[in-house]
Amino acid sequence: SEFPEGKIAEVYEPVVRATILAPSEFIGSV
């Protein structure tokens, strides 16, 4: 609801570095 109205130049969003450990048979689905 706080998102501004009007002409927006750019929107920045937070990014994360994710580490996933999984059995190798599931590489494709991950």
All heavy atoms as atom14 arrays in JSON, in Angstrom:
{
  "sequence": "SEFPEGKIAEVYEPVVRATILAPSEFIGSV",
  "atom14_mask": [
    [1, 1, 1, 1, 1, 1, 0, 0, 0, 0, 0, 0, 0, 0],
    [1, 1, 1, 1, 1, 1, 1, 1, 1, 0, 0, 0, 0, 0],
    [1, 1, 1, 1, 1, 1, 1, 1, 1, 1, 1, 0, 0, 0],
    [1, 1, 1, 1, 1, 1, 1, 0, 0, 0, 0, 0, 0, 0],
    [1, 1, 1, 1, 1, 1, 1, 1, 1, 0, 0, 0, 0, 0],
    [1, 1, 1, 1, 0, 0, 0, 0, 0, 0, 0, 0, 0, 0],
    [1, 1, 1, 1, 1, 1, 1, 1, 1, 0, 0, 0, 0, 0],
    [1, 1, 1, 1, 1, 1, 1, 1, 0, 0, 0, 0, 0, 0],
    [1, 1, 1, 1, 1, 0, 0, 0, 0, 0, 0, 0, 0, 0],
    [1, 1, 1, 1, 1, 1, 1, 1, 1, 0, 0, 0, 0, 0],
    [1, 1, 1, 1, 1, 1, 1, 0, 0, 0, 0, 0, 0, 0],
    [1, 1, 1, 1, 1, 1, 1, 1, 1, 1, 1, 1, 0, 0],
    [1, 1, 1, 1, 1, 1, 1, 1, 1, 0, 0, 0, 0, 0],
    [1, 1, 1, 1, 1, 1, 1, 0, 0, 0, 0, 0, 0, 0],
    [1, 1, 1, 1, 1, 1, 1, 0, 0, 0, 0, 0, 0, 0],
    [1, 1, 1, 1, 1, 1, 1, 0, 0, 0, 0, 0, 0, 0],
    [1, 1, 1, 1, 1, 1, 1, 1, 1, 1, 1, 0, 0, 0],
    [1, 1, 1, 1, 1, 0, 0, 0, 0, 0, 0, 0, 0, 0],
    [1, 1, 1, 1, 1, 1, 1, 0, 0, 0, 0, 0, 0, 0],
    [1, 1, 1, 1, 1, 1, 1, 1, 0, 0, 0, 0, 0, 0],
    [1, 1, 1, 1, 1, 1, 1, 1, 0, 0, 0, 0, 0, 0],
    [1, 1, 1, 1, 1, 0, 0, 0, 0, 0, 0, 0, 0, 0],
    [1, 1, 1, 1, 1, 1, 1, 0, 0, 0, 0, 0, 0, 0],
    [1, 1, 1, 1, 1, 1, 0, 0, 0, 0, 0, 0, 0, 0],
    [1, 1, 1, 1, 1, 1, 1, 1, 1, 0, 0, 0, 0, 0],
    [1, 1, 1, 1, 1, 1, 1, 1, 1, 1, 1, 0, 0, 0],
    [1, 1, 1, 1, 1, 1, 1, 1, 0, 0, 0, 0, 0, 0],
    [1, 1, 1, 1, 0, 0, 0, 0, 0, 0, 0, 0, 0, 0],
    [1, 1, 1, 1, 1, 1, 0, 0, 0, 0, 0, 0, 0, 0],
    [1, 1, 1, 1, 1, 1, 1, 0, 0, 0, 0, 0, 0, 0]
  ],
  "atom14_positions": [
    [[0.82, -1.22, 0.0], [0.0, 0.0, 0.0], [0.86, 1.27, 0.0], [0.38, 2.36, -0.31], [-0.95, 0.0, 1.2], [-0.21, -0.06, 2.4], [0.0, 0.0, 0.0], [0.0, 0.0, 0.0], [0.0, 0.0, 0.0], [0.0, 0.0, 0.0], [0.0, 0.0, 0.0], [0.0, 0.0, 0.0], [0.0, 0.0, 0.0], [0.0, 0.0, 0.0]],
    [[2.18, 1.14, 0.35], [3.06, 2.31, 0.36], [3.7, 2.56, -1.01], [4.42, 3.53, -1.19], [4.2, 2.1, 1.38], [3.74, 1.98, 2.82], [4.86, 1.49, 3.73], [6.0, 1.31, 3.25], [4.59, 1.3, 4.92], [0.0, 0.0, 0.0], [0.0, 0.0, 0.0], [0.0, 0.0, 0.0], [0.0, 0.0, 0.0], [0.0, 0.0, 0.0]],
    [[3.47, 1.67, -1.96], [4.1, 1.78, -3.28], [3.62, 3.08, -3.95], [2.42, 3.31, -4.07], [3.72, 0.57, -4.15], [4.66, 0.32, -5.28], [5.86, -0.35, -5.06], [4.37, 0.72, -6.57], [6.74, -0.63, -6.1], [5.23, 0.47, -7.62], [6.43, -0.21, -7.37], [0.0, 0.0, 0.0], [0.0, 0.0, 0.0], [0.0, 0.0, 0.0]],
    [[4.55, 3.96, -4.38], [4.12, 5.27, -4.86], [3.44, 5.23, -6.23], [3.71, 4.37, -7.05], [5.44, 6.05, -4.94], [6.49, 5.01, -5.11], [6.0, 3.78, -4.42], [0.0, 0.0, 0.0], [0.0, 0.0, 0.0], [0.0, 0.0, 0.0], [0.0, 0.0, 0.0], [0.0, 0.0, 0.0], [0.0, 0.0, 0.0], [0.0, 0.0, 0.0]],
    [[2.54, 6.18, -6.43], [1.91, 6.36, -7.74], [2.79, 7.32, -8.55], [3.57, 8.06, -7.98], [0.51, 6.97, -7.57], [-0.42, 6.19, -6.66], [-1.02, 4.96, -7.31], [-1.1, 4.95, -8.55], [-1.37, 4.01, -6.59], [0.0, 0.0, 0.0], [0.0, 0.0, 0.0], [0.0, 0.0, 0.0], [0.0, 0.0, 0.0], [0.0, 0.0, 0.0]],
    [[2.62, 7.34, -9.84], [3.37, 8.33, -10.65], [4.45, 7.67, -11.48], [4.51, 6.44, -11.62], [0.0, 0.0, 0.0], [0.0, 0.0, 0.0], [0.0, 0.0, 0.0], [0.0, 0.0, 0.0], [0.0, 0.0, 0.0], [0.0, 0.0, 0.0], [0.0, 0.0, 0.0], [0.0, 0.0, 0.0], [0.0, 0.0, 0.0], [0.0, 0.0, 0.0]],
    [[5.34, 8.5, -12.02], [6.36, 8.0, -12.94], [7.55, 7.45, -12.15], [8.24, 8.19, -11.46], [6.8, 9.13, -13.88], [5.71, 9.52, -14.86], [6.21, 10.46, -15.93], [5.12, 10.7, -16.98], [5.54, 11.66, -17.99], [0.0, 0.0, 0.0], [0.0, 0.0, 0.0], [0.0, 0.0, 0.0], [0.0, 0.0, 0.0], [0.0, 0.0, 0.0]],
    [[7.77, 6.16, -12.31], [8.83, 5.48, -11.56], [10.02, 5.27, -12.48], [9.88, 4.76, -13.6], [8.31, 4.14, -11.0], [7.26, 4.42, -9.9], [9.43, 3.29, -10.44], [6.45, 3.22, -9.5], [0.0, 0.0, 0.0], [0.0, 0.0, 0.0], [0.0, 0.0, 0.0], [0.0, 0.0, 0.0], [0.0, 0.0, 0.0], [0.0, 0.0, 0.0]],
    [[11.21, 5.67, -12.0], [12.43, 5.48, -12.79], [12.94, 4.05, -12.63], [13.14, 3.33, -13.61], [13.5, 6.48, -12.36], [0.0, 0.0, 0.0], [0.0, 0.0, 0.0], [0.0, 0.0, 0.0], [0.0, 0.0, 0.0], [0.0, 0.0, 0.0], [0.0, 0.0, 0.0], [0.0, 0.0, 0.0], [0.0, 0.0, 0.0], [0.0, 0.0, 0.0]],
    [[13.15, 3.63, -11.36], [13.68, 2.28, -11.1], [13.19, 1.75, -9.77], [12.97, 2.51, -8.83], [15.22, 2.31, -11.1], [15.8, 1.81, -12.42], [17.33, 1.82, -12.39], [17.92, 2.76, -11.81], [17.91, 0.88, -12.92], [0.0, 0.0, 0.0], [0.0, 0.0, 0.0], [0.0, 0.0, 0.0], [0.0, 0.0, 0.0], [0.0, 0.0, 0.0]],
    [[13.04, 0.43, -9.71], [12.68, -0.24, -8.45], [13.8, -1.23, -8.13], [14.21, -2.01, -8.98], [11.34, -1.0, -8.57], [10.96, -1.61, -7.23], [10.23, -0.08, -9.07], [0.0, 0.0, 0.0], [0.0, 0.0, 0.0], [0.0, 0.0, 0.0], [0.0, 0.0, 0.0], [0.0, 0.0, 0.0], [0.0, 0.0, 0.0], [0.0, 0.0, 0.0]],
    [[14.3, -1.16, -6.89], [15.37, -2.07, -6.46], [14.81, -3.06, -5.45], [14.06, -2.69, -4.55], [16.52, -1.28, -5.82], [17.27, -0.41, -6.79], [16.92, 0.93, -6.96], [18.31, -0.91, -7.56], [17.59, 1.74, -7.87], [18.99, -0.12, -8.47], [18.63, 1.2, -8.62], [19.29, 1.99, -9.52], [0.0, 0.0, 0.0], [0.0, 0.0, 0.0]],
    [[15.21, -4.34, -5.61], [14.75, -5.37, -4.67], [15.96, -6.07, -4.06], [17.02, -6.17, -4.7], [13.85, -6.38, -5.38], [14.56, -7.16, -6.47], [13.68, -8.23, -7.12], [12.61, -8.52, -6.58], [14.1, -8.77, -8.16], [0.0, 0.0, 0.0], [0.0, 0.0, 0.0], [0.0, 0.0, 0.0], [0.0, 0.0, 0.0], [0.0, 0.0, 0.0]],
    [[15.84, -6.56, -2.81], [16.98, -7.25, -2.19], [17.24, -8.61, -2.84], [16.29, -9.29, -3.24], [16.55, -7.42, -0.73], [15.08, -7.27, -0.73], [14.69, -6.46, -1.92], [0.0, 0.0, 0.0], [0.0, 0.0, 0.0], [0.0, 0.0, 0.0], [0.0, 0.0, 0.0], [0.0, 0.0, 0.0], [0.0, 0.0, 0.0], [0.0, 0.0, 0.0]],
    [[18.52, -8.97, -2.96], [18.88, -10.29, -3.5], [19.7, -11.06, -2.48], [20.36, -10.46, -1.62], [19.66, -10.2, -4.84], [18.77, -9.79, -5.97], [20.84, -9.28, -4.75], [0.0, 0.0, 0.0], [0.0, 0.0, 0.0], [0.0, 0.0, 0.0], [0.0, 0.0, 0.0], [0.0, 0.0, 0.0], [0.0, 0.0, 0.0], [0.0, 0.0, 0.0]],
    [[19.65, -12.38, -2.57], [20.39, -13.23, -1.64], [21.22, -14.24, -2.42], [20.93, -14.55, -3.57], [19.44, -14.0, -0.68], [18.7, -13.04, 0.23], [18.48, -14.89, -1.44], [0.0, 0.0, 0.0], [0.0, 0.0, 0.0], [0.0, 0.0, 0.0], [0.0, 0.0, 0.0], [0.0, 0.0, 0.0], [0.0, 0.0, 0.0], [0.0, 0.0, 0.0]],
    [[22.26, -14.72, -1.75], [23.08, -15.8, -2.32], [22.63, -17.06, -1.61], [22.84, -17.21, -0.4], [24.56, -15.51, -2.04], [25.51, -16.54, -2.61], [26.94, -16.12, -2.24], [27.94, -16.99, -2.83], [28.33, -18.14, -2.32], [27.81, -18.56, -1.18], [29.26, -18.86, -2.91], [0.0, 0.0, 0.0], [0.0, 0.0, 0.0], [0.0, 0.0, 0.0]],
    [[21.97, -17.94, -2.34], [21.41, -19.14, -1.74], [22.31, -20.34, -1.99], [22.85, -20.5, -3.09], [20.03, -19.42, -2.31], [0.0, 0.0, 0.0], [0.0, 0.0, 0.0], [0.0, 0.0, 0.0], [0.0, 0.0, 0.0], [0.0, 0.0, 0.0], [0.0, 0.0, 0.0], [0.0, 0.0, 0.0], [0.0, 0.0, 0.0], [0.0, 0.0, 0.0]],
    [[22.5, -21.16, -0.96], [23.26, -22.41, -1.09], [22.29, -23.56, -0.84], [21.63, -23.6, 0.2], [24.39, -22.46, -0.04], [25.19, -21.3, -0.18], [25.26, -23.69, -0.22], [0.0, 0.0, 0.0], [0.0, 0.0, 0.0], [0.0, 0.0, 0.0], [0.0, 0.0, 0.0], [0.0, 0.0, 0.0], [0.0, 0.0, 0.0], [0.0, 0.0, 0.0]],
    [[22.2, -24.46, -1.8], [21.28, -25.6, -1.66], [22.11, -26.88, -1.71], [22.92, -27.06, -2.61], [20.23, -25.6, -2.8], [19.37, -24.35, -2.72], [19.36, -26.85, -2.74], [18.56, -24.05, -3.96], [0.0, 0.0, 0.0], [0.0, 0.0, 0.0], [0.0, 0.0, 0.0], [0.0, 0.0, 0.0], [0.0, 0.0, 0.0], [0.0, 0.0, 0.0]],
    [[21.92, -27.74, -0.72], [22.56, -29.07, -0.71], [21.49, -30.1, -1.0], [20.46, -30.1, -0.34], [23.18, -29.37, 0.65], [24.41, -28.59, 1.08], [25.05, -29.26, 2.27], [25.44, -28.51, -0.02], [0.0, 0.0, 0.0], [0.0, 0.0, 0.0], [0.0, 0.0, 0.0], [0.0, 0.0, 0.0], [0.0, 0.0, 0.0], [0.0, 0.0, 0.0]],
    [[21.72, -30.95, -1.97], [20.71, -31.94, -2.33], [21.38, -33.19, -2.91], [22.5, -33.12, -3.4], [19.75, -31.35, -3.36], [0.0, 0.0, 0.0], [0.0, 0.0, 0.0], [0.0, 0.0, 0.0], [0.0, 0.0, 0.0], [0.0, 0.0, 0.0], [0.0, 0.0, 0.0], [0.0, 0.0, 0.0], [0.0, 0.0, 0.0], [0.0, 0.0, 0.0]],
    [[20.69, -34.34, -2.88], [21.21, -35.52, -3.56], [21.31, -35.21, -5.06], [20.46, -34.52, -5.62], [20.14, -36.59, -3.29], [19.44, -36.12, -2.06], [19.45, -34.63, -2.13], [0.0, 0.0, 0.0], [0.0, 0.0, 0.0], [0.0, 0.0, 0.0], [0.0, 0.0, 0.0], [0.0, 0.0, 0.0], [0.0, 0.0, 0.0], [0.0, 0.0, 0.0]],
    [[22.34, -35.74, -5.74], [22.62, -35.36, -7.13], [21.5, -35.77, -8.09], [21.36, -35.19, -9.16], [23.95, -35.94, -7.58], [24.03, -37.3, -7.24], [0.0, 0.0, 0.0], [0.0, 0.0, 0.0], [0.0, 0.0, 0.0], [0.0, 0.0, 0.0], [0.0, 0.0, 0.0], [0.0, 0.0, 0.0], [0.0, 0.0, 0.0], [0.0, 0.0, 0.0]],
    [[20.65, -36.73, -7.72], [19.55, -37.14, -8.62], [18.52, -36.03, -8.8], [17.72, -36.04, -9.74], [18.88, -38.41, -8.09], [18.2, -38.22, -6.75], [17.68, -39.52, -6.14], [16.62, -39.98, -6.59], [18.34, -40.03, -5.22], [0.0, 0.0, 0.0], [0.0, 0.0, 0.0], [0.0, 0.0, 0.0], [0.0, 0.0, 0.0], [0.0, 0.0, 0.0]],
    [[18.51, -35.03, -7.86], [17.48, -33.99, -7.93], [18.01, -32.68, -8.54], [17.34, -31.65, -8.45], [16.92, -33.69, -6.53], [16.27, -34.87, -5.88], [16.8, -35.41, -4.72], [15.13, -35.44, -6.42], [16.2, -36.51, -4.12], [14.53, -36.53, -5.84], [15.06, -37.07, -4.68], [0.0, 0.0, 0.0], [0.0, 0.0, 0.0], [0.0, 0.0, 0.0]],
    [[19.21, -32.69, -9.14], [19.8, -31.46, -9.68], [18.83, -30.76, -10.65], [18.58, -29.56, -10.56], [21.13, -31.74, -10.41], [22.21, -32.1, -9.4], [21.59, -30.52, -11.22], [23.53, -32.49, -10.02], [0.0, 0.0, 0.0], [0.0, 0.0, 0.0], [0.0, 0.0, 0.0], [0.0, 0.0, 0.0], [0.0, 0.0, 0.0], [0.0, 0.0, 0.0]],
    [[18.24, -31.55, -11.56], [17.35, -30.98, -12.59], [16.17, -30.25, -11.98], [15.87, -29.11, -12.34], [0.0, 0.0, 0.0], [0.0, 0.0, 0.0], [0.0, 0.0, 0.0], [0.0, 0.0, 0.0], [0.0, 0.0, 0.0], [0.0, 0.0, 0.0], [0.0, 0.0, 0.0], [0.0, 0.0, 0.0], [0.0, 0.0, 0.0], [0.0, 0.0, 0.0]],
    [[15.48, -30.9, -11.01], [14.28, -30.28, -10.44], [14.64, -29.06, -9.59], [13.89, -28.08, -9.57], [13.46, -31.29, -9.65], [14.27, -32.05, -8.82], [0.0, 0.0, 0.0], [0.0, 0.0, 0.0], [0.0, 0.0, 0.0], [0.0, 0.0, 0.0], [0.0, 0.0, 0.0], [0.0, 0.0, 0.0], [0.0, 0.0, 0.0], [0.0, 0.0, 0.0]],
    [[15.81, -29.07, -8.92], [16.22, -27.91, -8.11], [16.54, -26.73, -9.04], [16.12, -25.59, -8.78], [17.45, -28.25, -7.23], [18.03, -26.99, -6.6], [17.07, -29.24, -6.14], [0.0, 0.0, 0.0], [0.0, 0.0, 0.0], [0.0, 0.0, 0.0], [0.0, 0.0, 0.0], [0.0, 0.0, 0.0], [0.0, 0.0, 0.0], [0.0, 0.0, 0.0]]
  ]
}
